Amino acid sequence: MSQIIRRLGTPPTARGSVTGANCPDIFELSDGRFAVIGTDVTEELESELPADASRAEYERIVVVSRETLIHAKADIPHR
């Protein structure tokens, strides 16, 4: 089973969240994958996917704010 080993970027409170709750976040997992907390927009964007993109029934399309990803950029491994 994978475990969260670290957050990528700054905590939500450092990005302006007053409570730190219910904010987008990105985490690196012990098996090398990444977990993302974001807003589920599957219904909204599925029809917009390019012809060569698809998702499995168990997958969801999520969005995170630009700020969340920019704050995580320095922590994303290059390889």
N, C-alpha and C. Protein backbone atom coordinates (compact mmCIF):
# COMPACT_ATOMS: atom_id res chain seq x y z
N MET A 1 0.84 -1.18 0.00
CA MET A 1 0.00 0.00 0.00
C MET A 1 0.89 1.25 0.00
N SER A 2 0.54 2.21 -0.80
CA SER A 2 1.30 3.47 -0.87
C SER A 2 1.05 4.31 0.37
N GLN A 3 2.04 5.12 0.68
CA GLN A 3 1.91 6.08 1.77
C GLN A 3 2.34 7.44 1.26
N ILE A 4 1.75 8.47 1.83
CA ILE A 4 2.17 9.84 1.50
C ILE A 4 3.52 10.07 2.16
N ILE A 5 4.51 10.47 1.34
CA ILE A 5 5.82 10.73 1.93
C ILE A 5 6.13 12.22 2.05
N ARG A 6 5.49 13.04 1.20
CA ARG A 6 5.71 14.48 1.35
C ARG A 6 4.71 15.26 0.52
N ARG A 7 4.51 16.50 0.93
CA ARG A 7 3.69 17.45 0.18
C ARG A 7 4.59 18.12 -0.85
N LEU A 8 4.07 18.38 -2.02
CA LEU A 8 4.79 19.16 -3.02
C LEU A 8 4.26 20.58 -2.94
N GLY A 9 5.14 21.51 -2.71
CA GLY A 9 4.73 22.90 -2.59
C GLY A 9 4.44 23.28 -1.16
N THR A 10 3.76 24.38 -1.03
CA THR A 10 3.49 24.93 0.29
C THR A 10 2.11 24.48 0.79
N PRO A 11 1.91 24.45 2.10
CA PRO A 11 0.60 24.09 2.65
C PRO A 11 -0.46 25.12 2.24
N PRO A 12 -1.72 24.71 2.23
CA PRO A 12 -2.79 25.64 1.86
C PRO A 12 -2.77 26.94 2.67
N THR A 13 -2.45 26.87 3.96
CA THR A 13 -2.43 28.09 4.77
C THR A 13 -1.38 29.08 4.28
N ALA A 14 -0.29 28.58 3.73
CA ALA A 14 0.76 29.46 3.19
C ALA A 14 0.36 30.05 1.84
N ARG A 15 -0.68 29.47 1.23
CA ARG A 15 -1.18 29.97 -0.05
C ARG A 15 -2.42 30.83 0.13
N GLY A 16 -2.72 31.19 1.38
CA GLY A 16 -3.82 32.12 1.62
C GLY A 16 -5.09 31.52 2.17
N SER A 17 -5.15 30.21 2.37
CA SER A 17 -6.34 29.60 2.94
C SER A 17 -6.42 29.98 4.42
N VAL A 18 -7.54 30.51 4.81
CA VAL A 18 -7.71 30.94 6.19
C VAL A 18 -7.78 29.75 7.13
N THR A 19 -8.50 28.70 6.72
CA THR A 19 -8.67 27.53 7.59
C THR A 19 -7.73 26.40 7.24
N GLY A 20 -7.20 26.38 6.02
CA GLY A 20 -6.34 25.29 5.59
C GLY A 20 -7.12 24.05 5.20
N ALA A 21 -8.42 24.13 5.25
CA ALA A 21 -9.27 22.99 4.94
C ALA A 21 -9.80 23.09 3.50
N ASN A 22 -10.06 21.93 2.93
CA ASN A 22 -10.71 21.85 1.61
C ASN A 22 -9.99 22.64 0.54
N CYS A 23 -8.68 22.51 0.50
CA CYS A 23 -7.89 23.22 -0.50
C CYS A 23 -7.14 22.22 -1.37
N PRO A 24 -6.88 22.57 -2.64
CA PRO A 24 -6.10 21.70 -3.51
C PRO A 24 -4.73 21.42 -2.90
N ASP A 25 -4.23 20.23 -3.15
CA ASP A 25 -2.93 19.84 -2.62
C ASP A 25 -2.34 18.74 -3.50
N ILE A 26 -1.02 18.60 -3.49
CA ILE A 26 -0.33 17.57 -4.27
C ILE A 26 0.66 16.87 -3.35
N PHE A 27 0.66 15.53 -3.39
CA PHE A 27 1.52 14.74 -2.53
C PHE A 27 2.29 13.70 -3.33
N GLU A 28 3.52 13.43 -2.93
CA GLU A 28 4.29 12.34 -3.52
C GLU A 28 4.06 11.10 -2.67
N LEU A 29 3.85 9.96 -3.35
CA LEU A 29 3.60 8.70 -2.65
C LEU A 29 4.86 7.85 -2.60
N SER A 30 4.88 6.92 -1.69
CA SER A 30 6.06 6.07 -1.49
C SER A 30 6.41 5.22 -2.70
N ASP A 31 5.44 4.96 -3.58
CA ASP A 31 5.72 4.15 -4.76
C ASP A 31 6.06 4.99 -6.00
N GLY A 32 6.24 6.31 -5.80
CA GLY A 32 6.63 7.19 -6.90
C GLY A 32 5.47 7.87 -7.60
N ARG A 33 4.24 7.46 -7.31
CA ARG A 33 3.08 8.14 -7.90
C ARG A 33 2.79 9.42 -7.13
N PHE A 34 1.82 10.18 -7.63
CA PHE A 34 1.42 11.43 -6.99
C PHE A 34 -0.08 11.39 -6.72
N ALA A 35 -0.48 11.94 -5.59
CA ALA A 35 -1.89 12.06 -5.25
C ALA A 35 -2.26 13.54 -5.30
N VAL A 36 -3.43 13.81 -5.86
CA VAL A 36 -3.87 15.19 -6.03
C VAL A 36 -5.24 15.36 -5.38
N ILE A 37 -5.36 16.39 -4.55
CA ILE A 37 -6.67 16.78 -4.04
C ILE A 37 -7.09 17.97 -4.89
N GLY A 38 -8.18 17.80 -5.60
CA GLY A 38 -8.66 18.86 -6.47
C GLY A 38 -10.16 18.77 -6.62
N THR A 39 -10.69 19.63 -7.43
CA THR A 39 -12.12 19.67 -7.69
C THR A 39 -12.45 18.72 -8.83
N ASP A 40 -13.40 17.84 -8.61
CA ASP A 40 -13.83 16.88 -9.62
C ASP A 40 -14.62 17.60 -10.71
N VAL A 41 -14.07 17.61 -11.92
CA VAL A 41 -14.73 18.26 -13.05
C VAL A 41 -14.92 17.28 -14.20
N THR A 42 -15.01 16.00 -13.87
CA THR A 42 -15.12 14.96 -14.89
C THR A 42 -16.30 15.22 -15.83
N GLU A 43 -17.46 15.44 -15.27
CA GLU A 43 -18.64 15.66 -16.10
C GLU A 43 -18.48 16.87 -17.01
N GLU A 44 -17.84 17.89 -16.49
CA GLU A 44 -17.66 19.15 -17.21
C GLU A 44 -16.66 19.04 -18.36
N LEU A 45 -15.55 18.31 -18.15
CA LEU A 45 -14.45 18.32 -19.11
C LEU A 45 -14.28 17.05 -19.93
N GLU A 46 -14.97 15.98 -19.58
CA GLU A 46 -14.76 14.72 -20.31
C GLU A 46 -14.99 14.88 -21.81
N SER A 47 -16.00 15.60 -22.20
CA SER A 47 -16.27 15.78 -23.63
C SER A 47 -15.24 16.67 -24.31
N GLU A 48 -14.42 17.35 -23.54
CA GLU A 48 -13.38 18.24 -24.07
C GLU A 48 -12.04 17.53 -24.26
N LEU A 49 -11.93 16.29 -23.79
CA LEU A 49 -10.66 15.58 -23.92
C LEU A 49 -10.29 15.41 -25.39
N PRO A 50 -9.00 15.52 -25.72
CA PRO A 50 -8.57 15.29 -27.10
C PRO A 50 -8.89 13.86 -27.53
N ALA A 51 -8.95 13.62 -28.82
CA ALA A 51 -9.31 12.30 -29.36
C ALA A 51 -8.38 11.19 -28.87
N ASP A 52 -7.13 11.53 -28.58
CA ASP A 52 -6.19 10.49 -28.15
C ASP A 52 -6.09 10.37 -26.62
N ALA A 53 -7.06 10.94 -25.91
CA ALA A 53 -7.08 10.86 -24.44
C ALA A 53 -8.39 10.23 -23.99
N SER A 54 -8.32 9.48 -22.91
CA SER A 54 -9.53 8.88 -22.35
C SER A 54 -9.28 8.62 -20.87
N ARG A 55 -10.30 8.21 -20.17
CA ARG A 55 -10.16 7.87 -18.76
C ARG A 55 -10.89 6.57 -18.49
N ALA A 56 -10.37 5.82 -17.56
CA ALA A 56 -11.03 4.59 -17.13
C ALA A 56 -12.21 4.96 -16.25
N GLU A 57 -13.13 4.05 -16.08
CA GLU A 57 -14.32 4.30 -15.25
C GLU A 57 -13.94 4.71 -13.82
N TYR A 58 -12.84 4.19 -13.31
CA TYR A 58 -12.42 4.48 -11.95
C TYR A 58 -11.59 5.77 -11.84
N GLU A 59 -11.31 6.42 -12.96
CA GLU A 59 -10.52 7.65 -12.95
C GLU A 59 -11.43 8.87 -13.01
N ARG A 60 -10.97 9.96 -12.44
CA ARG A 60 -11.70 11.22 -12.44
C ARG A 60 -10.79 12.31 -12.99
N ILE A 61 -11.36 13.32 -13.58
CA ILE A 61 -10.62 14.50 -14.02
C ILE A 61 -10.75 15.52 -12.89
N VAL A 62 -9.61 15.94 -12.35
CA VAL A 62 -9.64 16.93 -11.27
C VAL A 62 -8.81 18.13 -11.67
N VAL A 63 -9.15 19.26 -11.11
CA VAL A 63 -8.36 20.47 -11.34
C VAL A 63 -7.83 21.00 -10.02
N VAL A 64 -6.65 21.60 -10.10
CA VAL A 64 -6.07 22.33 -8.98
C VAL A 64 -5.78 23.73 -9.50
N SER A 65 -5.72 24.65 -8.60
CA SER A 65 -5.46 26.03 -9.02
C SER A 65 -4.05 26.16 -9.60
N ARG A 66 -3.88 27.14 -10.43
CA ARG A 66 -2.57 27.44 -11.00
C ARG A 66 -1.56 27.69 -9.87
N GLU A 67 -2.00 28.41 -8.86
CA GLU A 67 -1.14 28.73 -7.72
C GLU A 67 -0.64 27.47 -7.04
N THR A 68 -1.51 26.47 -6.88
CA THR A 68 -1.12 25.22 -6.24
C THR A 68 0.00 24.55 -7.03
N LEU A 69 -0.15 24.47 -8.34
CA LEU A 69 0.86 23.82 -9.17
C LEU A 69 2.16 24.61 -9.22
N ILE A 70 2.05 25.92 -9.29
CA ILE A 70 3.26 26.76 -9.31
C ILE A 70 4.04 26.60 -8.02
N HIS A 71 3.35 26.55 -6.89
CA HIS A 71 4.03 26.36 -5.61
C HIS A 71 4.66 24.98 -5.51
N ALA A 72 4.12 24.00 -6.22
CA ALA A 72 4.65 22.63 -6.19
C ALA A 72 5.79 22.43 -7.18
N LYS A 73 5.93 23.30 -8.15
CA LYS A 73 6.88 23.11 -9.24
C LYS A 73 8.30 22.80 -8.77
N ALA A 74 8.79 23.52 -7.81
CA ALA A 74 10.17 23.31 -7.35
C ALA A 74 10.36 21.93 -6.69
N ASP A 75 9.29 21.34 -6.20
CA ASP A 75 9.36 20.05 -5.52
C ASP A 75 9.11 18.85 -6.43
N ILE A 76 8.72 19.10 -7.67
CA ILE A 76 8.44 18.01 -8.60
C ILE A 76 9.77 17.45 -9.13
N PRO A 77 10.02 16.16 -8.95
CA PRO A 77 11.27 15.59 -9.44
C PRO A 77 11.42 15.73 -10.95
N HIS A 78 12.63 15.88 -11.40
CA HIS A 78 12.89 16.01 -12.83
C HIS A 78 12.89 14.67 -13.54
N ARG A 79 13.03 13.58 -12.80
CA ARG A 79 13.04 12.24 -13.39
C ARG A 79 12.22 11.30 -12.57
